[in-house]
Each structure stands twice: as C-alpha cells, then as structure tokens.
C-alpha atoms as a PDB file:
ATOM      1  CA  UNK A   1     128.198  77.236  95.957  1.00  0.00           C
ATOM      2  CA  UNK A   2     129.075  80.333  93.965  1.00  0.00           C
ATOM      3  CA  UNK A   3     130.402  83.396  95.733  1.00  0.00           C
ATOM      4  CA  UNK A   4     129.196  85.753  93.006  1.00  0.00           C
ATOM      5  CA  UNK A   5     125.860  86.220  91.325  1.00  0.00           C
ATOM      6  CA  UNK A   6     124.699  86.663  87.765  1.00  0.00           C
ATOM      7  CA  UNK A   7     121.774  89.077  87.636  1.00  0.00           C
ATOM      8  CA  UNK A   8     120.749  88.024  84.142  1.00  0.00           C
ATOM      9  CA  UNK A   9     120.602  84.395  85.266  1.00  0.00           C
ATOM     10  CA  UNK A  10     118.615  85.317  88.365  1.00  0.00           C
ATOM     11  CA  UNK A  11     116.095  87.223  86.234  1.00  0.00           C
ATOM     12  CA  UNK A  12     115.913  84.426  83.685  1.00  0.00           C
ATOM     13  CA  UNK A  13     115.070  81.881  86.361  1.00  0.00           C
ATOM     14  CA  UNK A  14     112.562  84.187  88.028  1.00  0.00           C
ATOM     15  CA  UNK A  15     110.806  84.725  84.686  1.00  0.00           C
ATOM     16  CA  UNK A  16     110.656  80.964  84.196  1.00  0.00           C
ATOM     17  CA  UNK A  17     109.398  80.273  87.720  1.00  0.00           C
ATOM     18  CA  UNK A  18     107.003  83.219  88.122  1.00  0.00           C
ATOM     19  CA  UNK A  19     106.003  84.270  84.590  1.00  0.00           C
ATOM     20  CA  UNK A  20     102.770  85.830  85.845  1.00  0.00           C
ATOM     21  CA  UNK A  21     104.211  87.658  88.873  1.00  0.00           C
ATOM     22  CA  UNK A  22     102.103  90.719  89.573  1.00  0.00           C
ATOM     23  CA  UNK A  23     100.848  92.979  92.354  1.00  0.00           C
ATOM     24  CA  UNK A  24      98.623  90.868  94.603  1.00  0.00           C
ATOM     25  CA  UNK A  25      96.653  93.810  95.953  1.00  0.00           C
ATOM     26  CA  UNK A  26      93.259  94.062  94.269  1.00  0.00           C
ATOM     27  CA  UNK A  27      92.458  97.402  92.662  1.00  0.00           C
ATOM     28  CA  UNK A  28      90.687  98.962  89.694  1.00  0.00           C
ATOM     29  CA  UNK A  29      91.979 102.533  89.864  1.00  0.00           C
ATOM     30  CA  UNK A  30      95.045 104.465  91.039  1.00  0.00           C
ATOM     31  CA  UNK A  31      93.086 105.687  94.083  1.00  0.00           C
ATOM     32  CA  UNK A  32      92.159 102.140  95.068  1.00  0.00           C
ATOM     33  CA  UNK A  33      95.762 100.999  94.762  1.00  0.00           C
ATOM     34  CA  UNK A  34      96.979 103.958  96.793  1.00  0.00           C
ATOM     35  CA  UNK A  35      94.503 103.170  99.580  1.00  0.00           C
ATOM     36  CA  UNK A  36      95.272  99.440  99.481  1.00  0.00           C
ATOM     37  CA  UNK A  37      99.008 100.063  99.675  1.00  0.00           C
ATOM     38  CA  UNK A  38      98.623 102.398 102.635  1.00  0.00           C
ATOM     39  CA  UNK A  39      96.581  99.692 104.344  1.00  0.00           C
ATOM     40  CA  UNK A  40      99.204  97.034 103.562  1.00  0.00           C
ATOM     41  CA  UNK A  41     101.728  98.451 106.047  1.00  0.00           C
ATOM     42  CA  UNK A  42     102.304  95.761 108.698  1.00  0.00           C
ATOM     43  CA  UNK A  43      99.475  93.742 107.142  1.00  0.00           C
ATOM     44  CA  UNK A  44      99.184  90.914 104.647  1.00  0.00           C
ATOM     45  CA  UNK A  45      97.829  91.429 101.149  1.00  0.00           C
ATOM     46  CA  UNK A  46      95.237  88.737 101.860  1.00  0.00           C
ATOM     47  CA  UNK A  47      93.838  90.710 104.790  1.00  0.00           C
ATOM     48  CA  UNK A  48      93.950  93.990 102.851  1.00  0.00           C
ATOM     49  CA  UNK A  49      92.071  92.432  99.947  1.00  0.00           C
ATOM     50  CA  UNK A  50      89.413  91.115 102.323  1.00  0.00           C
ATOM     51  CA  UNK A  51      88.957  94.621 103.743  1.00  0.00           C
ATOM     52  CA  UNK A  52      89.009  96.493 100.434  1.00  0.00           C
ATOM     53  CA  UNK A  53      86.463  94.116  98.899  1.00  0.00           C
ATOM     54  CA  UNK A  54      83.899  95.922 101.035  1.00  0.00           C
ATOM     55  CA  UNK A  55      85.698  99.245 101.426  1.00  0.00           C
ATOM     56  CA  UNK A  56      85.772  99.957  97.694  1.00  0.00           C
ATOM     57  CA  UNK A  57      82.037  99.319  97.444  1.00  0.00           C
ATOM     58  CA  UNK A  58      81.476 102.121  99.950  1.00  0.00           C
ATOM     59  CA  UNK A  59      84.146 104.686  99.014  1.00  0.00           C
ATOM     60  CA  UNK A  60      84.525 105.615  95.352  1.00  0.00           C
ATOM     61  CA  UNK A  61      86.220 109.016  95.311  1.00  0.00           C
ATOM     62  CA  UNK A  62      88.666 110.949  97.510  1.00  0.00           C
ATOM     63  CA  UNK A  63      85.765 113.021  98.802  1.00  0.00           C
ATOM     64  CA  UNK A  64      83.970 109.893 100.016  1.00  0.00           C
ATOM     65  CA  UNK A  65      86.772 109.250 102.515  1.00  0.00           C
ATOM     66  CA  UNK A  66      86.274 112.771 103.891  1.00  0.00           C
ATOM     67  CA  UNK A  67      82.488 112.651 104.030  1.00  0.00           C
ATOM     68  CA  UNK A  68      82.349 110.128 106.878  1.00  0.00           C
ATOM     69  CA  UNK A  69      83.465 110.697 110.487  1.00  0.00           C
ATOM     70  CA  UNK A  70      87.058 109.543 111.087  1.00  0.00           C
ATOM     71  CA  UNK A  71      85.758 106.901 113.500  1.00  0.00           C
ATOM     72  CA  UNK A  72      83.663 105.320 110.763  1.00  0.00           C
ATOM     73  CA  UNK A  73      86.629 104.948 108.415  1.00  0.00           C
ATOM     74  CA  UNK A  74      88.720 103.626 111.301  1.00  0.00           C
ATOM     75  CA  UNK A  75      86.118 100.959 111.972  1.00  0.00           C
ATOM     76  CA  UNK A  76      85.983 100.020 108.282  1.00  0.00           C
ATOM     77  CA  UNK A  77      89.754  99.336 108.188  1.00  0.00           C
ATOM     78  CA  UNK A  78      90.252  98.205 111.791  1.00  0.00           C
ATOM     79  CA  UNK A  79      91.348  94.652 110.984  1.00  0.00           C
ATOM     80  CA  UNK A  80      94.377  95.869 108.991  1.00  0.00           C
ATOM     81  CA  UNK A  81      96.003  97.129 112.190  1.00  0.00           C
ATOM     82  CA  UNK A  82      97.253 100.626 113.079  1.00  0.00           C
ATOM     83  CA  UNK A  83      93.845 101.728 111.841  1.00  0.00           C
ATOM     84  CA  UNK A  84      93.822 105.179 113.448  1.00  0.00           C
ATOM     85  CA  UNK A  85      97.081 106.203 111.824  1.00  0.00           C
ATOM     86  CA  UNK A  86      96.079 104.629 108.501  1.00  0.00           C
ATOM     87  CA  UNK A  87      92.707 106.382 108.532  1.00  0.00           C
ATOM     88  CA  UNK A  88      94.415 109.698 109.294  1.00  0.00           C
ATOM     89  CA  UNK A  89      96.853 109.180 106.403  1.00  0.00           C
ATOM     90  CA  UNK A  90      94.100 108.132 103.988  1.00  0.00           C
ATOM     91  CA  UNK A  91      92.017 111.192 104.827  1.00  0.00           C
ATOM     92  CA  UNK A  92      95.057 113.460 104.617  1.00  0.00           C
ATOM     93  CA  UNK A  93      96.079 112.012 101.256  1.00  0.00           C
ATOM     94  CA  UNK A  94      92.541 112.338  99.893  1.00  0.00           C
ATOM     95  CA  UNK A  95      92.303 115.933 101.065  1.00  0.00           C
ATOM     96  CA  UNK A  96      95.584 116.807  99.332  1.00  0.00           C
ATOM     97  CA  UNK A  97      94.519 114.965  96.162  1.00  0.00           C
ATOM     98  CA  UNK A  98      91.369 117.094  96.053  1.00  0.00           C
ATOM     99  CA  UNK A  99      93.006 120.406  96.940  1.00  0.00           C
ATOM    100  CA  UNK A 100      96.284 120.107  95.039  1.00  0.00           C
ATOM    101  CA  UNK A 101      95.682 117.606  92.225  1.00  0.00           C
ATOM    102  CA  UNK A 102      92.111 118.226  91.020  1.00  0.00           C
ATOM    103  CA  UNK A 103      90.855 115.036  92.611  1.00  0.00           C
ATOM    104  CA  UNK A 104      93.227 112.738  90.712  1.00  0.00           C
ATOM    105  CA  UNK A 105      96.074 110.672  92.163  1.00  0.00           C
ATOM    106  CA  UNK A 106      99.251 112.382  90.899  1.00  0.00           C
ATOM    107  CA  UNK A 107     101.363 110.597  88.299  1.00  0.00           C
ATOM    108  CA  UNK A 108     104.742 111.943  89.450  1.00  0.00           C
ATOM    109  CA  UNK A 109     106.925 110.357  92.129  1.00  0.00           C
ATOM    110  CA  UNK A 110     107.691 113.674  93.840  1.00  0.00           C
ATOM    111  CA  UNK A 111     104.005 114.523  94.036  1.00  0.00           C
ATOM    112  CA  UNK A 112     103.071 111.100  95.424  1.00  0.00           C
ATOM    113  CA  UNK A 113     105.720 111.468  98.116  1.00  0.00           C
ATOM    114  CA  UNK A 114     103.995 114.632  99.325  1.00  0.00           C
ATOM    115  CA  UNK A 115     100.885 112.671 100.284  1.00  0.00           C
ATOM    116  CA  UNK A 116     100.476 111.677 103.953  1.00  0.00           C
ATOM    117  CA  UNK A 117     101.355 108.025 104.548  1.00  0.00           C
ATOM    118  CA  UNK A 118     103.236 107.687 101.259  1.00  0.00           C
ATOM    119  CA  UNK A 119     106.935 106.783 101.288  1.00  0.00           C
ATOM    120  CA  UNK A 120     108.963 105.381  98.397  1.00  0.00           C
ATOM    121  CA  UNK A 121     107.563 101.856  98.674  1.00  0.00           C
ATOM    122  CA  UNK A 122     103.968 103.019  98.301  1.00  0.00           C
ATOM    123  CA  UNK A 123     104.867 105.533  95.606  1.00  0.00           C
ATOM    124  CA  UNK A 124     106.739 102.868  93.627  1.00  0.00           C
ATOM    125  CA  UNK A 125     103.800 100.483  93.879  1.00  0.00           C
ATOM    126  CA  UNK A 126     101.414 103.123  92.523  1.00  0.00           C
ATOM    127  CA  UNK A 127     103.764 104.402  89.805  1.00  0.00           C
ATOM    128  CA  UNK A 128     104.564 100.925  88.512  1.00  0.00           C
ATOM    129  CA  UNK A 129     101.216  99.179  88.810  1.00  0.00           C
ATOM    130  CA  UNK A 130      98.610 101.921  88.422  1.00  0.00           C
ATOM    131  CA  UNK A 131     100.423 104.076  85.884  1.00  0.00           C
ATOM    132  CA  UNK A 132     102.860 101.541  84.362  1.00  0.00           C
ATOM    133  CA  UNK A 133     105.665 104.041  84.933  1.00  0.00           C
ATOM    134  CA  UNK A 134     108.175 102.268  87.163  1.00  0.00           C
ATOM    135  CA  UNK A 135     110.733 104.789  88.335  1.00  0.00           C
ATOM    136  CA  UNK A 136     112.191 102.806  91.198  1.00  0.00           C
ATOM    137  CA  UNK A 137     112.209  99.423  92.896  1.00  0.00           C
ATOM    138  CA  UNK A 138     109.650  98.356  95.493  1.00  0.00           C
ATOM    139  CA  UNK A 139     111.451  97.332  98.682  1.00  0.00           C
ATOM    140  CA  UNK A 140     109.305  95.483 101.191  1.00  0.00           C
ATOM    141  CA  UNK A 141     110.320  92.932 103.806  1.00  0.00           C
ATOM    142  CA  UNK A 142     110.551  90.142 101.217  1.00  0.00           C
ATOM    143  CA  UNK A 143     112.671  92.155  98.784  1.00  0.00           C
ATOM    144  CA  UNK A 144     114.910  93.240 101.637  1.00  0.00           C
ATOM    145  CA  UNK A 145     115.482  89.624 102.739  1.00  0.00           C
ATOM    146  CA  UNK A 146     115.794  87.955  99.346  1.00  0.00           C
ATOM    147  CA  UNK A 147     117.980  90.601  97.725  1.00  0.00           C
ATOM    148  CA  UNK A 148     120.377  90.371 100.684  1.00  0.00           C
ATOM    149  CA  UNK A 149     120.532  86.590 100.465  1.00  0.00           C
ATOM    150  CA  UNK A 150     121.156  86.736  96.729  1.00  0.00           C
ATOM    151  CA  UNK A 151     123.999  89.191  97.207  1.00  0.00           C
ATOM    152  CA  UNK A 152     122.251  91.987  95.335  1.00  0.00           C
ATOM    153  CA  UNK A 153     122.795  94.292  98.304  1.00  0.00           C
ATOM    154  CA  UNK A 154     124.663  94.400 101.584  1.00  0.00           C
ATOM    155  CA  UNK A 155     122.529  97.210 102.984  1.00  0.00           C
ATOM    156  CA  UNK A 156     119.635  97.046 105.403  1.00  0.00           C
ATOM    157  CA  UNK A 157     118.177 100.519 104.848  1.00  0.00           C
ATOM    158  CA  UNK A 158     115.327 100.343 102.280  1.00  0.00           C
ATOM    159  CA  UNK A 159     116.463 103.497 100.450  1.00  0.00           C
ATOM    160  CA  UNK A 160     119.993 102.141 100.053  1.00  0.00           C
ATOM    161  CA  UNK A 161     118.668  98.717  99.039  1.00  0.00           C
ATOM    162  CA  UNK A 162     116.540 100.351  96.357  1.00  0.00           C
ATOM    163  CA  UNK A 163     119.546 102.215  94.999  1.00  0.00           C
ATOM    164  CA  UNK A 164     121.566  98.989  94.858  1.00  0.00           C
ATOM    165  CA  UNK A 165     118.776  97.152  93.028  1.00  0.00           C
ATOM    166  CA  UNK A 166     118.278  99.994  90.558  1.00  0.00           C
ATOM    167  CA  UNK A 167     121.966  99.707  89.662  1.00  0.00           C
ATOM    168  CA  UNK A 168     122.100  95.896  89.599  1.00  0.00           C
ATOM    169  CA  UNK A 169     118.837  95.278  87.698  1.00  0.00           C
ATOM    170  CA  UNK A 170     117.989  96.786  84.286  1.00  0.00           C
ATOM    171  CA  UNK A 171     115.246  99.401  84.472  1.00  0.00           C
ATOM    172  CA  UNK A 172     112.948  97.442  82.160  1.00  0.00           C
ATOM    173  CA  UNK A 173     112.967  94.648  84.772  1.00  0.00           C
ATOM    174  CA  UNK A 174     112.235  96.802  87.825  1.00  0.00           C
ATOM    175  CA  UNK A 175     108.498  96.147  87.836  1.00  0.00           C
ATOM    176  CA  UNK A 176     108.681  92.414  87.139  1.00  0.00           C
ATOM    177  CA  UNK A 177     111.757  91.997  89.335  1.00  0.00           C
ATOM    178  CA  UNK A 178     110.024  93.524  92.314  1.00  0.00           C
ATOM    179  CA  UNK A 179     106.957  91.311  91.920  1.00  0.00           C
ATOM    180  CA  UNK A 180     109.000  88.166  91.279  1.00  0.00           C
ATOM    181  CA  UNK A 181     111.265  88.678  94.284  1.00  0.00           C
ATOM    182  CA  UNK A 182     108.232  89.296  96.497  1.00  0.00           C
ATOM    183  CA  UNK A 183     106.578  86.141  95.166  1.00  0.00           C
ATOM    184  CA  UNK A 184     109.797  84.195  95.764  1.00  0.00           C
ATOM    185  CA  UNK A 185     109.993  85.469  99.333  1.00  0.00           C
ATOM    186  CA  UNK A 186     106.385  84.492  99.989  1.00  0.00           C
ATOM    187  CA  UNK A 187     106.535  81.090  98.354  1.00  0.00           C
ATOM    188  CA  UNK A 188     110.072  79.742  98.786  1.00  0.00           C
ATOM    189  CA  UNK A 189     112.634  82.016 100.469  1.00  0.00           C
ATOM    190  CA  UNK A 190     110.865  82.263 103.807  1.00  0.00           C
ATOM    191  CA  UNK A 191     112.307  84.352 106.624  1.00  0.00           C
ATOM    192  CA  UNK A 192     112.849  81.651 109.233  1.00  0.00           C
ATOM    193  CA  UNK A 193     113.192  78.481 107.178  1.00  0.00           C
ATOM    194  CA  UNK A 194     113.751  79.044 103.450  1.00  0.00           C
ATOM    195  CA  UNK A 195     112.924  76.065 101.260  1.00  0.00           C
ATOM    196  CA  UNK A 196     116.340  75.917  99.598  1.00  0.00           C
ATOM    197  CA  UNK A 197     115.833  72.406  98.207  1.00  0.00           C
ATOM    198  CA  UNK A 198     112.925  73.684  96.085  1.00  0.00           C
ATOM    199  CA  UNK A 199     114.550  76.990  95.133  1.00  0.00           C
ATOM    200  CA  UNK A 200     115.205  77.652  91.425  1.00  0.00           C
ATOM    201  CA  UNK A 201     118.142  79.863  92.468  1.00  0.00           C
ATOM    202  CA  UNK A 202     119.665  77.324  94.834  1.00  0.00           C
ATOM    203  CA  UNK A 203     122.939  76.721  92.977  1.00  0.00           C
ATOM    204  CA  UNK A 204     123.664  80.418  92.403  1.00  0.00           C
ATOM    205  CA  UNK A 205     122.581  81.736  95.800  1.00  0.00           C
ATOM    206  CA  UNK A 206     125.423  82.859  98.107  1.00  0.00           C
ATOM    207  CA  UNK A 207     123.211  82.107 101.099  1.00  0.00           C
ATOM    208  CA  UNK A 208     122.238  78.588  99.983  1.00  0.00           C
ATOM    209  CA  UNK A 209     121.299  76.547 103.028  1.00  0.00           C
ATOM    210  CA  UNK A 210     120.656  79.543 105.269  1.00  0.00           C
ATOM    211  CA  UNK A 211     118.362  78.741 108.173  1.00  0.00           C
ATOM    212  CA  UNK A 212     118.531  81.906 110.261  1.00  0.00           C
ATOM    213  CA  UNK A 213     116.460  85.023 109.680  1.00  0.00           C
ATOM    214  CA  UNK A 214     118.150  87.737 107.598  1.00  0.00           C
END
C-alpha cells in the first residue's frame, strides 16, 4: 500500500473507469438545474429526477413558481424531504432571479450565492453543468468521503475540502473530477463497506481495505 498519492494517476484511472461521468440530475435549462440541485439536498438524484419529471412539465419559468400558493409547490416536491424549506428557497430564488437578474439564472458565482438556498455546492453544479464554466469543485457527501480516503484532503469542512481539491486537481479536470469521484462513491467506494477488491484505485489508495465510515 502506498502512503502517497499521484493525482495524475488517479485522474487517469477515473477517466478509464468512468469516461462518461456526468451530472445525474435531469435538466434542460439553467433554471431546471438550479431547482433540481436545491431539491437534491438530503435526497437522492433518483428521487429528485422522479419529482422533476412532473414538476418541470408544470413550472417553466421563475414566475410560475410564484404564481401558485406555497402549499401547492410544497405538495409537488414533498417526497424530496424538507419540502417547506425547499419550497421557500425555490420561491425566494425565483423572486430574486426576476427582480435582480431579468428573469435569467445568473452566470456568476457571486450572484448565484446570493440566491436563497444556494451555497457553493449548488452554485458549482450550476456553473459547471449549465454554463460549462467550472470555477470550483463540487463537494457532496461522496466527494467528501472519497477525497479523504484517497488522501486528497485531511479536512472535513466542505469549503476547506474544495480548496484542497482545487489545489490538488488541475482546473481543466474540476468538472470531470467532481462527477467521476461522485460516481466512484456511488458505485464502488461506499460509506459503510467500500468494495475495495473491485476498485480501480485499490493499489494507490491510502485507505485500501477500510471498512469503517469516513
């Protein structure tokens, strides 16, 4: 087992294993991705996609989310969990998009971070996948776990983890790297029982053989 890691080798193997790694939230516009990402908090992408399949046939513009009573939107997204807070954030974000950004989802990180319910994870998802302008690294629960196990960070705070990954990984790999690490966490490097014997990074992973949750 190696005690150090080679980022270029990690990326090479991830490209080979997950050449088509991409955002698994379904969307056709920046607004749809913003809404889907807000809904994804404490919820699986599979559940979000099931909800947005119907949601996006009913709501097309920011104004649509404001035209219905809050209780109606809450009911439409109920199965994603924390639906009252999510509905409040969606309506608040849509109102700000209309009032401050001429009805269009802003294309700047600082502007996205002003929207209710939008922290760096959501903003990075939108910037990278809707606008193809990655300016940071998406840090979700899978990235947090896998990057720690690979030795890419020793931090537990998402902001500090993002900073570590932005230093360790070349900027032109931020978008793919985020998707690939998430895919790896979902498919191989599970939280409770990682499948190390099937892992393409097994012989360069400092945490090879780990069985406890990190």
